[in-house]
Amino acid sequence: MGRYEDALADFNRAIEIDENNAYAIANRGVTYLQIGRDQEASAEFNRALEITNRRIEENAGDFWAIADRGRTYRLMGRFEEAIADFRRALDIDPNNAVVQTELEKAQQGIRQ
């Protein structure tokens, strides 16, 4: 079994350091999903989306904001939106292996 409480503590510390760390917030949401705290997970995913949307509004070419938003969409099962963001991120950095892997995961999600 996973060490979910330890993971939550680590994500909480990361978010205390940077309350706008959308990646840590989304990962905390994943942890909440894994322990059956679905409402908290949903709230975290929505918070991560708010942060990444704001970052993209401030800088439309913010590669990591676009990639983070795509990942959050994928985690929420919103695969079409995830794919669009991953493709947009890859337009900025075509050789980014992390985003290429995320794109493949989103495409698999659609096929399932």
Protein backbone atom coordinates (compact mmCIF):
# COMPACT_ATOMS: atom_id res chain seq x y z
CA MET A 1 0.00 0.00 0.00
CA GLY A 2 0.99 3.58 -0.53
CA ARG A 3 2.12 6.02 2.10
CA TYR A 4 -0.67 8.48 1.44
CA GLU A 5 -0.40 10.44 4.70
CA ASP A 6 3.31 10.99 4.07
CA ALA A 7 2.55 12.10 0.52
CA LEU A 8 -0.10 14.52 1.75
CA ALA A 9 2.33 15.94 4.30
CA ASP A 10 4.95 16.47 1.58
CA PHE A 11 2.45 18.15 -0.76
CA ASN A 12 1.20 20.31 2.09
CA ARG A 13 4.77 21.46 2.79
CA ALA A 14 5.35 22.23 -0.89
CA ILE A 15 2.13 24.24 -1.04
CA GLU A 16 3.04 26.11 2.16
CA ILE A 17 6.26 27.19 0.43
CA ASP A 18 4.45 28.17 -2.78
CA GLU A 19 0.68 28.40 -2.53
CA ASN A 20 0.48 28.68 -6.32
CA ASN A 21 2.30 25.42 -7.01
CA ALA A 22 -0.31 23.93 -9.32
CA TYR A 23 1.70 20.73 -9.80
CA ALA A 24 1.78 20.01 -6.04
CA ILE A 25 -1.89 20.95 -5.69
CA ALA A 26 -2.91 18.58 -8.49
CA ASN A 27 -0.76 15.82 -6.99
CA ARG A 28 -2.42 16.35 -3.63
CA GLY A 29 -5.70 15.91 -5.51
CA VAL A 30 -4.47 12.60 -6.92
CA THR A 31 -3.57 11.47 -3.41
CA TYR A 32 -7.03 12.43 -2.18
CA LEU A 33 -8.54 10.35 -5.00
CA GLN A 34 -6.42 7.37 -4.01
CA ILE A 35 -7.76 7.46 -0.44
CA GLY A 36 -11.38 8.02 -1.45
CA ARG A 37 -11.63 11.72 -0.63
CA ASP A 38 -13.19 12.59 -3.98
CA GLN A 39 -14.66 15.98 -3.06
CA GLU A 40 -11.31 17.21 -1.80
CA ALA A 41 -9.66 15.85 -4.94
CA SER A 42 -12.11 17.74 -7.14
CA ALA A 43 -11.50 20.95 -5.19
CA GLU A 44 -7.73 20.55 -5.61
CA PHE A 45 -8.03 19.92 -9.35
CA ASN A 46 -10.22 23.00 -9.74
CA ARG A 47 -7.76 25.08 -7.71
CA ALA A 48 -4.88 23.87 -9.90
CA LEU A 49 -6.86 24.84 -13.00
CA GLU A 50 -7.53 28.32 -11.61
CA ILE A 51 -3.81 28.85 -11.01
CA THR A 52 -2.70 27.57 -14.40
CA ASN A 53 -5.42 29.52 -16.23
CA ARG A 54 -4.23 32.70 -14.48
CA ARG A 55 -0.61 31.97 -15.42
CA ILE A 56 -1.58 31.38 -19.05
CA GLU A 57 -3.60 34.63 -19.12
CA GLU A 58 -0.50 36.46 -17.90
CA ASN A 59 1.79 34.71 -20.40
CA ALA A 60 0.20 32.75 -23.23
CA GLY A 61 3.52 31.04 -23.96
CA ASP A 62 4.12 29.73 -20.42
CA PHE A 63 5.12 26.18 -21.35
CA TRP A 64 4.82 24.68 -17.87
CA ALA A 65 1.50 26.35 -17.12
CA ILE A 66 0.07 24.87 -20.31
CA ALA A 67 1.56 21.45 -19.55
CA ASP A 68 0.36 21.56 -15.92
CA ARG A 69 -3.15 22.48 -17.02
CA GLY A 70 -3.10 19.62 -19.54
CA ARG A 71 -2.04 17.21 -16.82
CA THR A 72 -4.78 18.44 -14.52
CA TYR A 73 -7.35 17.99 -17.29
CA ARG A 74 -6.05 14.46 -17.87
CA LEU A 75 -6.32 13.62 -14.17
CA MET A 76 -9.91 14.87 -14.24
CA GLY A 77 -10.72 12.67 -17.24
CA ARG A 78 -11.09 15.68 -19.52
CA PHE A 79 -8.95 14.09 -22.22
CA GLU A 80 -9.84 16.30 -25.21
CA GLU A 81 -8.82 19.44 -23.31
CA ALA A 82 -5.69 17.70 -22.05
CA ILE A 83 -4.68 16.71 -25.57
CA ALA A 84 -5.18 20.25 -26.83
CA ASP A 85 -2.94 21.64 -24.09
CA PHE A 86 -0.25 18.99 -24.58
CA ARG A 87 -0.17 19.71 -28.31
CA ARG A 88 0.07 23.44 -27.59
CA ALA A 89 2.95 22.80 -25.18
CA LEU A 90 4.69 20.62 -27.76
CA ASP A 91 4.38 23.45 -30.28
CA ILE A 92 6.56 25.43 -27.87
CA ASP A 93 8.97 22.59 -27.01
CA PRO A 94 8.56 19.73 -29.51
CA ASN A 95 11.15 17.48 -27.87
CA ASN A 96 9.82 17.55 -24.32
CA ALA A 97 9.59 13.88 -23.32
CA VAL A 98 7.46 14.56 -20.23
CA VAL A 99 4.73 16.24 -22.26
CA GLN A 100 4.95 13.64 -25.01
CA THR A 101 4.31 10.94 -22.38
CA GLU A 102 1.40 12.93 -20.92
CA LEU A 103 -0.08 13.28 -24.42
CA GLU A 104 0.12 9.52 -24.93
CA LYS A 105 -1.63 8.93 -21.58
CA ALA A 106 -4.44 11.32 -22.56
CA GLN A 107 -4.84 9.64 -25.92
CA GLN A 108 -5.06 6.25 -24.19
CA GLY A 109 -7.72 7.69 -21.90
CA ILE A 110 -9.88 8.55 -24.89
CA ARG A 111 -9.49 5.05 -26.33
CA GLN A 112 -10.67 3.39 -23.12
